[in-house]
Amino acid sequence: MSVATLHLSNSTSSGGDVGELILFLVPAEVRKVHDHLRATVKAALRSKLSPRHVPDSVYEIESVPRTLSGKKLEVPVKRILTGVPIGEVVDPAAVSNPESLTFFRDVGAGKKVQVVG
């Protein structure tokens, strides 16, 4: 299965263990994120890496926000999740898929989105 991911740690600035590890997953076209897939991904991360790498939450997203050169926008997404407006974090004209940022804005604003895990 081919997937794209964005894995973020939403932790305190002091670097402590307080926070949340979040996995944003773009499933292959024929798949959807469901409980069995979530469990499989978490088990694989736990066995191949470590329990520290197992996400607290798994969100299904349509696409990973990327720059025009294809780099993932991890830091801007973290800031958007904390409530910073999109326009203050990144110029949407510099993003290859600016529509993907609205999902993260909604999550940061506490709007209901589908979460698995």
PDB file of N, CA and C in Angstrom:
ATOM      1  N   MET A   1       0.845  -1.169   0.000  1.00  0.00           N
ATOM      2  CA  MET A   1       0.000   0.000   0.000  1.00  0.00           C
ATOM      3  C   MET A   1       0.893   1.236   0.000  1.00  0.00           C
ATOM      4  N   SER A   2       0.578   2.179  -0.828  1.00  0.00           N
ATOM      5  CA  SER A   2       1.333   3.425  -0.905  1.00  0.00           C
ATOM      6  C   SER A   2       0.591   4.499  -0.127  1.00  0.00           C
ATOM      7  N   VAL A   3       1.285   5.126   0.811  1.00  0.00           N
ATOM      8  CA  VAL A   3       0.672   6.175   1.615  1.00  0.00           C
ATOM      9  C   VAL A   3       1.627   7.345   1.755  1.00  0.00           C
ATOM     10  N   ALA A   4       1.082   8.483   2.120  1.00  0.00           N
ATOM     11  CA  ALA A   4       1.886   9.656   2.473  1.00  0.00           C
ATOM     12  C   ALA A   4       1.549   9.970   3.914  1.00  0.00           C
ATOM     13  N   THR A   5       2.544  10.410   4.674  1.00  0.00           N
ATOM     14  CA  THR A   5       2.300  10.695   6.079  1.00  0.00           C
ATOM     15  C   THR A   5       2.926  12.010   6.503  1.00  0.00           C
ATOM     16  N   LEU A   6       2.402  12.538   7.574  1.00  0.00           N
ATOM     17  CA  LEU A   6       2.964  13.691   8.263  1.00  0.00           C
ATOM     18  C   LEU A   6       2.856  13.335   9.740  1.00  0.00           C
ATOM     19  N   HIS A   7       3.980  13.201  10.415  1.00  0.00           N
ATOM     20  CA  HIS A   7       4.040  12.733  11.799  1.00  0.00           C
ATOM     21  C   HIS A   7       4.570  13.881  12.640  1.00  0.00           C
ATOM     22  N   LEU A   8       3.752  14.399  13.541  1.00  0.00           N
ATOM     23  CA  LEU A   8       4.128  15.569  14.326  1.00  0.00           C
ATOM     24  C   LEU A   8       4.043  15.303  15.814  1.00  0.00           C
ATOM     25  N   SER A   9       4.933  15.931  16.545  1.00  0.00           N
ATOM     26  CA  SER A   9       4.878  15.910  17.994  1.00  0.00           C
ATOM     27  C   SER A   9       4.393  17.280  18.441  1.00  0.00           C
ATOM     28  N   ASN A  10       3.269  17.304  19.086  1.00  0.00           N
ATOM     29  CA  ASN A  10       2.685  18.548  19.589  1.00  0.00           C
ATOM     30  C   ASN A  10       3.027  18.622  21.065  1.00  0.00           C
ATOM     31  N   SER A  11       4.298  18.991  21.364  1.00  0.00           N
ATOM     32  CA  SER A  11       4.766  18.973  22.748  1.00  0.00           C
ATOM     33  C   SER A  11       5.093  20.368  23.233  1.00  0.00           C
ATOM     34  N   THR A  12       5.466  20.433  24.492  1.00  0.00           N
ATOM     35  CA  THR A  12       5.794  21.713  25.094  1.00  0.00           C
ATOM     36  C   THR A  12       7.142  22.193  24.592  1.00  0.00           C
ATOM     37  N   SER A  13       7.381  23.481  24.693  1.00  0.00           N
ATOM     38  CA  SER A  13       8.645  24.056  24.241  1.00  0.00           C
ATOM     39  C   SER A  13       9.822  23.594  25.089  1.00  0.00           C
ATOM     40  N   SER A  14       9.554  23.117  26.300  1.00  0.00           N
ATOM     41  CA  SER A  14      10.637  22.655  27.165  1.00  0.00           C
ATOM     42  C   SER A  14      11.140  21.282  26.758  1.00  0.00           C
ATOM     43  N   GLY A  15      10.439  20.641  25.809  1.00  0.00           N
ATOM     44  CA  GLY A  15      10.878  19.347  25.320  1.00  0.00           C
ATOM     45  C   GLY A  15      10.495  18.202  26.234  1.00  0.00           C
ATOM     46  N   GLY A  16       9.621  18.443  27.189  1.00  0.00           N
ATOM     47  CA  GLY A  16       9.195  17.394  28.105  1.00  0.00           C
ATOM     48  C   GLY A  16       8.323  16.362  27.414  1.00  0.00           C
ATOM     49  N   ASP A  17       7.890  15.390  28.195  1.00  0.00           N
ATOM     50  CA  ASP A  17       7.066  14.318  27.650  1.00  0.00           C
ATOM     51  C   ASP A  17       5.606  14.709  27.509  1.00  0.00           C
ATOM     52  N   VAL A  18       5.242  15.919  27.969  1.00  0.00           N
ATOM     53  CA  VAL A  18       3.870  16.373  27.851  1.00  0.00           C
ATOM     54  C   VAL A  18       3.615  16.711  26.390  1.00  0.00           C
ATOM     55  N   GLY A  19       2.518  16.254  25.854  1.00  0.00           N
ATOM     56  CA  GLY A  19       2.198  16.550  24.475  1.00  0.00           C
ATOM     57  C   GLY A  19       1.538  15.362  23.821  1.00  0.00           C
ATOM     58  N   GLU A  20       1.412  15.464  22.533  1.00  0.00           N
ATOM     59  CA  GLU A  20       0.715  14.441  21.770  1.00  0.00           C
ATOM     60  C   GLU A  20       1.490  14.171  20.488  1.00  0.00           C
ATOM     61  N   LEU A  21       1.612  12.912  20.147  1.00  0.00           N
ATOM     62  CA  LEU A  21       2.225  12.509  18.890  1.00  0.00           C
ATOM     63  C   LEU A  21       1.085  12.219  17.918  1.00  0.00           C
ATOM     64  N   ILE A  22       1.074  12.915  16.794  1.00  0.00           N
ATOM     65  CA  ILE A  22      -0.044  12.840  15.855  1.00  0.00           C
ATOM     66  C   ILE A  22       0.454  12.333  14.513  1.00  0.00           C
ATOM     67  N   LEU A  23      -0.275  11.397  13.944  1.00  0.00           N
ATOM     68  CA  LEU A  23       0.025  10.880  12.607  1.00  0.00           C
ATOM     69  C   LEU A  23      -1.102  11.300  11.680  1.00  0.00           C
ATOM     70  N   PHE A  24      -0.744  12.010  10.616  1.00  0.00           N
ATOM     71  CA  PHE A  24      -1.697  12.371   9.571  1.00  0.00           C
ATOM     72  C   PHE A  24      -1.402  11.451   8.399  1.00  0.00           C
ATOM     73  N   LEU A  25      -2.399  10.722   7.950  1.00  0.00           N
ATOM     74  CA  LEU A  25      -2.202   9.645   6.987  1.00  0.00           C
ATOM     75  C   LEU A  25      -3.047   9.872   5.745  1.00  0.00           C
ATOM     76  N   VAL A  26      -2.401   9.781   4.581  1.00  0.00           N
ATOM     77  CA  VAL A  26      -3.100   9.819   3.298  1.00  0.00           C
ATOM     78  C   VAL A  26      -3.102   8.393   2.778  1.00  0.00           C
ATOM     79  N   PRO A  27      -4.226   7.694   2.889  1.00  0.00           N
ATOM     80  CA  PRO A  27      -4.243   6.300   2.433  1.00  0.00           C
ATOM     81  C   PRO A  27      -4.245   6.201   0.909  1.00  0.00           C
ATOM     82  N   ALA A  28      -3.871   5.014   0.429  1.00  0.00           N
ATOM     83  CA  ALA A  28      -3.953   4.756  -1.006  1.00  0.00           C
ATOM     84  C   ALA A  28      -5.410   4.939  -1.439  1.00  0.00           C
ATOM     85  N   GLU A  29      -5.619   5.188  -2.712  1.00  0.00           N
ATOM     86  CA  GLU A  29      -6.961   5.512  -3.213  1.00  0.00           C
ATOM     87  C   GLU A  29      -8.021   4.490  -2.850  1.00  0.00           C
ATOM     88  N   VAL A  30      -7.666   3.227  -2.835  1.00  0.00           N
ATOM     89  CA  VAL A  30      -8.673   2.186  -2.601  1.00  0.00           C
ATOM     90  C   VAL A  30      -8.879   1.884  -1.121  1.00  0.00           C
ATOM     91  N   ARG A  31      -8.145   2.543  -0.253  1.00  0.00           N
ATOM     92  CA  ARG A  31      -8.227   2.270   1.179  1.00  0.00           C
ATOM     93  C   ARG A  31      -8.754   3.482   1.933  1.00  0.00           C
ATOM     94  N   LYS A  32      -9.252   3.207   3.101  1.00  0.00           N
ATOM     95  CA  LYS A  32      -9.636   4.242   4.052  1.00  0.00           C
ATOM     96  C   LYS A  32      -8.988   3.885   5.383  1.00  0.00           C
ATOM     97  N   VAL A  33      -8.757   4.880   6.199  1.00  0.00           N
ATOM     98  CA  VAL A  33      -8.215   4.629   7.529  1.00  0.00           C
ATOM     99  C   VAL A  33      -9.364   4.100   8.388  1.00  0.00           C
ATOM    100  N   HIS A  34      -9.189   2.937   8.944  1.00  0.00           N
ATOM    101  CA  HIS A  34     -10.185   2.330   9.813  1.00  0.00           C
ATOM    102  C   HIS A  34      -9.461   1.704  11.001  1.00  0.00           C
ATOM    103  N   ASP A  35     -10.197   1.173  11.938  1.00  0.00           N
ATOM    104  CA  ASP A  35      -9.601   0.665  13.176  1.00  0.00           C
ATOM    105  C   ASP A  35      -8.537  -0.403  12.934  1.00  0.00           C
ATOM    106  N   HIS A  36      -8.786  -1.309  12.005  1.00  0.00           N
ATOM    107  CA  HIS A  36      -7.809  -2.374  11.742  1.00  0.00           C
ATOM    108  C   HIS A  36      -6.513  -1.791  11.164  1.00  0.00           C
ATOM    109  N   LEU A  37      -6.633  -0.865  10.228  1.00  0.00           N
ATOM    110  CA  LEU A  37      -5.440  -0.240   9.652  1.00  0.00           C
ATOM    111  C   LEU A  37      -4.694   0.560  10.716  1.00  0.00           C
ATOM    112  N   ARG A  38      -5.428   1.284  11.553  1.00  0.00           N
ATOM    113  CA  ARG A  38      -4.812   2.055  12.632  1.00  0.00           C
ATOM    114  C   ARG A  38      -4.018   1.129  13.549  1.00  0.00           C
ATOM    115  N   ALA A  39      -4.613   0.006  13.931  1.00  0.00           N
ATOM    116  CA  ALA A  39      -3.941  -0.954  14.810  1.00  0.00           C
ATOM    117  C   ALA A  39      -2.705  -1.541  14.146  1.00  0.00           C
ATOM    118  N   THR A  40      -2.790  -1.816  12.850  1.00  0.00           N
ATOM    119  CA  THR A  40      -1.658  -2.364  12.105  1.00  0.00           C
ATOM    120  C   THR A  40      -0.506  -1.367  12.056  1.00  0.00           C
ATOM    121  N   VAL A  41      -0.815  -0.112  11.781  1.00  0.00           N
ATOM    122  CA  VAL A  41       0.213   0.930  11.713  1.00  0.00           C
ATOM    123  C   VAL A  41       0.866   1.107  13.085  1.00  0.00           C
ATOM    124  N   LYS A  42       0.057   1.177  14.129  1.00  0.00           N
ATOM    125  CA  LYS A  42       0.599   1.356  15.477  1.00  0.00           C
ATOM    126  C   LYS A  42       1.473   0.168  15.879  1.00  0.00           C
ATOM    127  N   ALA A  43       1.032  -1.055  15.553  1.00  0.00           N
ATOM    128  CA  ALA A  43       1.822  -2.243  15.895  1.00  0.00           C
ATOM    129  C   ALA A  43       3.152  -2.247  15.148  1.00  0.00           C
ATOM    130  N   ALA A  44       3.122  -1.864  13.870  1.00  0.00           N
ATOM    131  CA  ALA A  44       4.358  -1.824  13.077  1.00  0.00           C
ATOM    132  C   ALA A  44       5.328  -0.794  13.641  1.00  0.00           C
ATOM    133  N   LEU A  45       4.838   0.379  14.007  1.00  0.00           N
ATOM    134  CA  LEU A  45       5.706   1.408  14.587  1.00  0.00           C
ATOM    135  C   LEU A  45       6.285   0.943  15.924  1.00  0.00           C
ATOM    136  N   ARG A  46       5.462   0.287  16.720  1.00  0.00           N
ATOM    137  CA  ARG A  46       5.914  -0.192  18.030  1.00  0.00           C
ATOM    138  C   ARG A  46       6.999  -1.261  17.872  1.00  0.00           C
ATOM    139  N   SER A  47       6.814  -2.192  16.924  1.00  0.00           N
ATOM    140  CA  SER A  47       7.770  -3.302  16.789  1.00  0.00           C
ATOM    141  C   SER A  47       9.018  -2.927  15.996  1.00  0.00           C
ATOM    142  N   LYS A  48       8.877  -2.096  14.974  1.00  0.00           N
ATOM    143  CA  LYS A  48      10.024  -1.759  14.132  1.00  0.00           C
ATOM    144  C   LYS A  48      10.822  -0.573  14.653  1.00  0.00           C
ATOM    145  N   LEU A  49      10.165   0.303  15.433  1.00  0.00           N
ATOM    146  CA  LEU A  49      10.856   1.468  15.987  1.00  0.00           C
ATOM    147  C   LEU A  49      10.874   1.348  17.510  1.00  0.00           C
ATOM    148  N   SER A  50       9.881   1.930  18.161  1.00  0.00           N
ATOM    149  CA  SER A  50       9.765   1.812  19.618  1.00  0.00           C
ATOM    150  C   SER A  50       8.400   2.327  20.036  1.00  0.00           C
ATOM    151  N   PRO A  51       7.990   2.034  21.270  1.00  0.00           N
ATOM    152  CA  PRO A  51       6.701   2.564  21.745  1.00  0.00           C
ATOM    153  C   PRO A  51       6.626   4.088  21.714  1.00  0.00           C
ATOM    154  N   ARG A  52       7.764   4.774  21.800  1.00  0.00           N
ATOM    155  CA  ARG A  52       7.771   6.243  21.723  1.00  0.00           C
ATOM    156  C   ARG A  52       7.274   6.765  20.380  1.00  0.00           C
ATOM    157  N   HIS A  53       7.362   5.940  19.342  1.00  0.00           N
ATOM    158  CA  HIS A  53       6.970   6.361  17.997  1.00  0.00           C
ATOM    159  C   HIS A  53       5.498   6.094  17.680  1.00  0.00           C
ATOM    160  N   VAL A  54       4.784   5.470  18.590  1.00  0.00           N
ATOM    161  CA  VAL A  54       3.374   5.150  18.352  1.00  0.00           C
ATOM    162  C   VAL A  54       2.543   6.417  18.572  1.00  0.00           C
ATOM    163  N   PRO A  55       1.775   6.832  17.559  1.00  0.00           N
ATOM    164  CA  PRO A  55       1.003   8.074  17.696  1.00  0.00           C
ATOM    165  C   PRO A  55      -0.159   7.946  18.667  1.00  0.00           C
ATOM    166  N   ASP A  56      -0.491   9.071  19.299  1.00  0.00           N
ATOM    167  CA  ASP A  56      -1.670   9.133  20.164  1.00  0.00           C
ATOM    168  C   ASP A  56      -2.941   9.195  19.327  1.00  0.00           C
ATOM    169  N   SER A  57      -2.857   9.877  18.188  1.00  0.00           N
ATOM    170  CA  SER A  57      -4.007  10.042  17.301  1.00  0.00           C
ATOM    171  C   SER A  57      -3.582   9.820  15.864  1.00  0.00           C
ATOM    172  N   VAL A  58      -4.522   9.304  15.068  1.00  0.00           N
ATOM    173  CA  VAL A  58      -4.297   9.109  13.635  1.00  0.00           C
ATOM    174  C   VAL A  58      -5.443   9.782  12.896  1.00  0.00           C
ATOM    175  N   TYR A  59      -5.107  10.744  12.056  1.00  0.00           N
ATOM    176  CA  TYR A  59      -6.104  11.444  11.249  1.00  0.00           C
ATOM    177  C   TYR A  59      -5.935  11.052   9.785  1.00  0.00           C
ATOM    178  N   GLU A  60      -7.030  10.862   9.097  1.00  0.00           N
ATOM    179  CA  GLU A  60      -6.991  10.663   7.648  1.00  0.00           C
ATOM    180  C   GLU A  60      -7.076  12.032   6.993  1.00  0.00           C
ATOM    181  N   ILE A  61      -6.141  12.311   6.087  1.00  0.00           N
ATOM    182  CA  ILE A  61      -6.149  13.579   5.354  1.00  0.00           C
ATOM    183  C   ILE A  61      -6.121  13.290   3.866  1.00  0.00           C
ATOM    184  N   GLU A  62      -6.561  14.265   3.074  1.00  0.00           N
ATOM    185  CA  GLU A  62      -6.581  14.090   1.618  1.00  0.00           C
ATOM    186  C   GLU A  62      -5.204  14.252   1.003  1.00  0.00           C
ATOM    187  N   SER A  63      -4.401  15.166   1.557  1.00  0.00           N
ATOM    188  CA  SER A  63      -3.041  15.359   1.041  1.00  0.00           C
ATOM    189  C   SER A  63      -2.180  16.033   2.096  1.00  0.00           C
ATOM    190  N   VAL A  64      -0.892  15.760   2.020  1.00  0.00           N
ATOM    191  CA  VAL A  64       0.080  16.383   2.921  1.00  0.00           C
ATOM    192  C   VAL A  64       0.440  17.751   2.343  1.00  0.00           C
ATOM    193  N   PRO A  65       0.342  18.815   3.128  1.00  0.00           N
ATOM    194  CA  PRO A  65       0.729  20.134   2.617  1.00  0.00           C
ATOM    195  C   PRO A  65       2.211  20.143   2.224  1.00  0.00           C
ATOM    196  N   ARG A  66       2.493  20.655   1.023  1.00  0.00           N
ATOM    197  CA  ARG A  66       3.859  20.665   0.511  1.00  0.00           C
ATOM    198  C   ARG A  66       4.173  22.005  -0.141  1.00  0.00           C
ATOM    199  N   THR A  67       5.457  22.345  -0.102  1.00  0.00           N
ATOM    200  CA  THR A  67       5.924  23.542  -0.800  1.00  0.00           C
ATOM    201  C   THR A  67       5.880  23.275  -2.295  1.00  0.00           C
ATOM    202  N   LEU A  68       6.131  24.301  -3.074  1.00  0.00           N
ATOM    203  CA  LEU A  68       6.157  24.128  -4.526  1.00  0.00           C
ATOM    204  C   LEU A  68       7.273  23.181  -4.963  1.00  0.00           C
ATOM    205  N   SER A  69       8.315  23.053  -4.142  1.00  0.00           N
ATOM    206  CA  SER A  69       9.410  22.134  -4.468  1.00  0.00           C
ATOM    207  C   SER A  69       9.183  20.739  -3.887  1.00  0.00           C
ATOM    208  N   GLY A  70       8.045  20.518  -3.218  1.00  0.00           N
ATOM    209  CA  GLY A  70       7.684  19.186  -2.749  1.00  0.00           C
ATOM    210  C   GLY A  70       8.023  18.862  -1.308  1.00  0.00           C
ATOM    211  N   LYS A  71       8.559  19.808  -0.546  1.00  0.00           N
ATOM    212  CA  LYS A  71       8.904  19.539   0.854  1.00  0.00           C
ATOM    213  C   LYS A  71       7.649  19.606   1.725  1.00  0.00           C
ATOM    214  N   LYS A  72       7.577  18.715   2.720  1.00  0.00           N
ATOM    215  CA  LYS A  72       6.455  18.713   3.649  1.00  0.00           C
ATOM    216  C   LYS A  72       6.514  19.950   4.551  1.00  0.00           C
ATOM    217  N   LEU A  73       5.367  20.522   4.833  1.00  0.00           N
ATOM    218  CA  LEU A  73       5.272  21.726   5.670  1.00  0.00           C
ATOM    219  C   LEU A  73       5.027  21.344   7.135  1.00  0.00           C
ATOM    220  N   GLU A  74       5.979  20.687   7.764  1.00  0.00           N
ATOM    221  CA  GLU A  74       5.790  20.214   9.132  1.00  0.00           C
ATOM    222  C   GLU A  74       5.707  21.354  10.152  1.00  0.00           C
ATOM    223  N   VAL A  75       6.655  22.267  10.137  1.00  0.00           N
ATOM    224  CA  VAL A  75       6.657  23.363  11.111  1.00  0.00           C
ATOM    225  C   VAL A  75       5.439  24.267  10.917  1.00  0.00           C
ATOM    226  N   PRO A  76       5.117  24.685   9.698  1.00  0.00           N
ATOM    227  CA  PRO A  76       3.902  25.492   9.532  1.00  0.00           C
ATOM    228  C   PRO A  76       2.639  24.765  10.007  1.00  0.00           C
ATOM    229  N   VAL A  77       2.541  23.466   9.753  1.00  0.00           N
ATOM    230  CA  VAL A  77       1.369  22.719  10.202  1.00  0.00           C
ATOM    231  C   VAL A  77       1.297  22.710  11.724  1.00  0.00           C
ATOM    232  N   LYS A  78       2.422  22.516  12.404  1.00  0.00           N
ATOM    233  CA  LYS A  78       2.423  22.558  13.867  1.00  0.00           C
ATOM    234  C   LYS A  78       1.915  23.911  14.368  1.00  0.00           C
ATOM    235  N   ARG A  79       2.342  24.983  13.741  1.00  0.00           N
ATOM    236  CA  ARG A  79       1.909  26.319  14.160  1.00  0.00           C
ATOM    237  C   ARG A  79       0.418  26.536  13.876  1.00  0.00           C
ATOM    238  N   ILE A  80      -0.050  26.044  12.734  1.00  0.00           N
ATOM    239  CA  ILE A  80      -1.476  26.156  12.401  1.00  0.00           C
ATOM    240  C   ILE A  80      -2.305  25.388  13.430  1.00  0.00           C
ATOM    241  N   LEU A  81      -1.823  24.221  13.854  1.00  0.00           N
ATOM    242  CA  LEU A  81      -2.528  23.431  14.860  1.00  0.00           C
ATOM    243  C   LEU A  81      -2.635  24.154  16.199  1.00  0.00           C
ATOM    244  N   THR A  82      -1.718  25.063  16.472  1.00  0.00           N
ATOM    245  CA  THR A  82      -1.783  25.835  17.720  1.00  0.00           C
ATOM    246  C   THR A  82      -2.669  27.068  17.598  1.00  0.00           C
ATOM    247  N   GLY A  83      -3.249  27.296  16.421  1.00  0.00           N
ATOM    248  CA  GLY A  83      -4.181  28.400  16.246  1.00  0.00           C
ATOM    249  C   GLY A  83      -3.640  29.611  15.519  1.00  0.00           C
ATOM    250  N   VAL A  84      -2.391  29.568  15.091  1.00  0.00           N
ATOM    251  CA  VAL A  84      -1.838  30.687  14.330  1.00  0.00           C
ATOM    252  C   VAL A  84      -2.501  30.688  12.945  1.00  0.00           C
ATOM    253  N   PRO A  85      -3.005  31.828  12.479  1.00  0.00           N
ATOM    254  CA  PRO A  85      -3.659  31.886  11.168  1.00  0.00           C
ATOM    255  C   PRO A  85      -2.732  31.440  10.030  1.00  0.00           C
ATOM    256  N   ILE A  86      -3.315  30.779   9.049  1.00  0.00           N
ATOM    257  CA  ILE A  86      -2.549  30.248   7.914  1.00  0.00           C
ATOM    258  C   ILE A  86      -1.682  31.329   7.288  1.00  0.00           C
ATOM    259  N   GLY A  87      -2.252  32.508   7.042  1.00  0.00           N
ATOM    260  CA  GLY A  87      -1.520  33.593   6.385  1.00  0.00           C
ATOM    261  C   GLY A  87      -0.320  34.102   7.160  1.00  0.00           C
ATOM    262  N   GLU A  88      -0.308  33.893   8.479  1.00  0.00           N
ATOM    263  CA  GLU A  88       0.842  34.300   9.288  1.00  0.00           C
ATOM    264  C   GLU A  88       1.933  33.232   9.309  1.00  0.00           C
ATOM    265  N   VAL A  89       1.583  32.020   8.927  1.00  0.00           N
ATOM    266  CA  VAL A  89       2.502  30.891   8.989  1.00  0.00           C
ATOM    267  C   VAL A  89       3.179  30.634   7.651  1.00  0.00           C
ATOM    268  N   VAL A  90       2.405  30.728   6.589  1.00  0.00           N
ATOM    269  CA  VAL A  90       2.922  30.396   5.264  1.00  0.00           C
ATOM    270  C   VAL A  90       2.141  31.181   4.206  1.00  0.00           C
ATOM    271  N   ASP A  91       2.813  31.529   3.146  1.00  0.00           N
ATOM    272  CA  ASP A  91       2.147  32.180   2.018  1.00  0.00           C
ATOM    273  C   ASP A  91       1.476  31.079   1.190  1.00  0.00           C
ATOM    274  N   PRO A  92       0.139  31.053   1.130  1.00  0.00           N
ATOM    275  CA  PRO A  92      -0.538  30.008   0.373  1.00  0.00           C
ATOM    276  C   PRO A  92      -0.079  29.901  -1.084  1.00  0.00           C
ATOM    277  N   ALA A  93       0.435  30.994  -1.650  1.00  0.00           N
ATOM    278  CA  ALA A  93       0.939  30.949  -3.025  1.00  0.00           C
ATOM    279  C   ALA A  93       2.219  30.120  -3.134  1.00  0.00           C
ATOM    280  N   ALA A  94       2.871  29.872  -1.992  1.00  0.00           N
ATOM    281  CA  ALA A  94       4.107  29.075  -1.981  1.00  0.00           C
ATOM    282  C   ALA A  94       3.831  27.607  -1.672  1.00  0.00           C
ATOM    283  N   VAL A  95       2.545  27.248  -1.588  1.00  0.00           N
ATOM    284  CA  VAL A  95       2.150  25.881  -1.262  1.00  0.00           C
ATOM    285  C   VAL A  95       1.532  25.238  -2.497  1.00  0.00           C
ATOM    286  N   SER A  96       1.973  24.023  -2.813  1.00  0.00           N
ATOM    287  CA  SER A  96       1.457  23.364  -4.020  1.00  0.00           C
ATOM    288  C   SER A  96      -0.003  22.952  -3.864  1.00  0.00           C
ATOM    289  N   ASN A  97      -0.451  22.733  -2.626  1.00  0.00           N
ATOM    290  CA  ASN A  97      -1.837  22.339  -2.368  1.00  0.00           C
ATOM    291  C   ASN A  97      -2.395  23.118  -1.166  1.00  0.00           C
ATOM    292  N   PRO A  98      -2.588  24.439  -1.318  1.00  0.00           N
ATOM    293  CA  PRO A  98      -3.002  25.267  -0.173  1.00  0.00           C
ATOM    294  C   PRO A  98      -4.329  24.850   0.458  1.00  0.00           C
ATOM    295  N   GLU A  99      -5.191  24.196  -0.292  1.00  0.00           N
ATOM    296  CA  GLU A  99      -6.473  23.747   0.254  1.00  0.00           C
ATOM    297  C   GLU A  99      -6.275  22.717   1.368  1.00  0.00           C
ATOM    298  N   SER A 100      -5.133  22.034   1.378  1.00  0.00           N
ATOM    299  CA  SER A 100      -4.865  21.030   2.410  1.00  0.00           C
ATOM    300  C   SER A 100      -4.663  21.657   3.787  1.00  0.00           C
ATOM    301  N   LEU A 101      -4.357  22.934   3.839  1.00  0.00           N
ATOM    302  CA  LEU A 101      -4.096  23.602   5.116  1.00  0.00           C
ATOM    303  C   LEU A 101      -5.360  23.830   5.940  1.00  0.00           C
ATOM    304  N   THR A 102      -6.520  23.872   5.302  1.00  0.00           N
ATOM    305  CA  THR A 102      -7.756  24.155   6.025  1.00  0.00           C
ATOM    306  C   THR A 102      -8.098  23.048   7.027  1.00  0.00           C
ATOM    307  N   PHE A 103      -7.777  21.813   6.709  1.00  0.00           N
ATOM    308  CA  PHE A 103      -8.013  20.713   7.649  1.00  0.00           C
ATOM    309  C   PHE A 103      -7.277  20.976   8.961  1.00  0.00           C
ATOM    310  N   PHE A 104      -6.022  21.369   8.876  1.00  0.00           N
ATOM    311  CA  PHE A 104      -5.214  21.612  10.067  1.00  0.00           C
ATOM    312  C   PHE A 104      -5.714  22.844  10.827  1.00  0.00           C
ATOM    313  N   ARG A 105      -6.197  23.846  10.097  1.00  0.00           N
ATOM    314  CA  ARG A 105      -6.804  25.018  10.741  1.00  0.00           C
ATOM    315  C   ARG A 105      -8.022  24.585  11.545  1.00  0.00           C
ATOM    316  N   ASP A 106      -8.849  23.721  10.952  1.00  0.00           N
ATOM    317  CA  ASP A 106     -10.054  23.248  11.631  1.00  0.00           C
ATOM    318  C   ASP A 106      -9.721  22.429  12.875  1.00  0.00           C
ATOM    319  N   VAL A 107      -8.706  21.579  12.794  1.00  0.00           N
ATOM    320  CA  VAL A 107      -8.289  20.793  13.953  1.00  0.00           C
ATOM    321  C   VAL A 107      -7.804  21.737  15.053  1.00  0.00           C
ATOM    322  N   GLY A 108      -6.989  22.727  14.681  1.00  0.00           N
ATOM    323  CA  GLY A 108      -6.473  23.681  15.648  1.00  0.00           C
ATOM    324  C   GLY A 108      -7.568  24.517  16.295  1.00  0.00           C
ATOM    325  N   ALA A 109      -8.630  24.763  15.561  1.00  0.00           N
ATOM    326  CA  ALA A 109      -9.753  25.551  16.079  1.00  0.00           C
ATOM    327  C   ALA A 109     -10.723  24.706  16.886  1.00  0.00           C
ATOM    328  N   GLY A 110     -10.446  23.408  16.986  1.00  0.00           N
ATOM    329  CA  GLY A 110     -11.298  22.536  17.765  1.00  0.00           C
ATOM    330  C   GLY A 110     -12.553  22.077  17.039  1.00  0.00           C
ATOM    331  N   LYS A 111     -12.593  22.270  15.725  1.00  0.00           N
ATOM    332  CA  LYS A 111     -13.746  21.802  14.965  1.00  0.00           C
ATOM    333  C   LYS A 111     -13.715  20.282  14.873  1.00  0.00           C
ATOM    334  N   LYS A 112     -14.883  19.698  14.770  1.00  0.00           N
ATOM    335  CA  LYS A 112     -14.961  18.249  14.693  1.00  0.00           C
ATOM    336  C   LYS A 112     -14.430  17.764  13.349  1.00  0.00           C
ATOM    337  N   VAL A 113     -13.470  16.878  13.414  1.00  0.00           N
ATOM    338  CA  VAL A 113     -12.943  16.210  12.232  1.00  0.00           C
ATOM    339  C   VAL A 113     -12.879  14.741  12.567  1.00  0.00           C
ATOM    340  N   GLN A 114     -12.836  13.910  11.547  1.00  0.00           N
ATOM    341  CA  GLN A 114     -12.796  12.473  11.797  1.00  0.00           C
ATOM    342  C   GLN A 114     -11.402  12.079  12.265  1.00  0.00           C
ATOM    343  N   VAL A 115     -11.362  11.483  13.445  1.00  0.00           N
ATOM    344  CA  VAL A 115     -10.098  11.015  13.989  1.00  0.00           C
ATOM    345  C   VAL A 115     -10.216   9.510  14.206  1.00  0.00           C
ATOM    346  N   VAL A 116      -9.153   8.822  13.930  1.00  0.00           N
ATOM    347  CA  VAL A 116      -9.095   7.398  14.179  1.00  0.00           C
ATOM    348  C   VAL A 116      -8.032   7.204  15.238  1.00  0.00           C
ATOM    349  N   GLY A 117      -8.381   6.641  16.355  1.00  0.00           N
ATOM    350  CA  GLY A 117      -7.387   6.377  17.411  1.00  0.00           C
ATOM    351  C   GLY A 117      -7.531   7.364  18.448  1.00  0.00           C
TER     352      GLY A 117
END
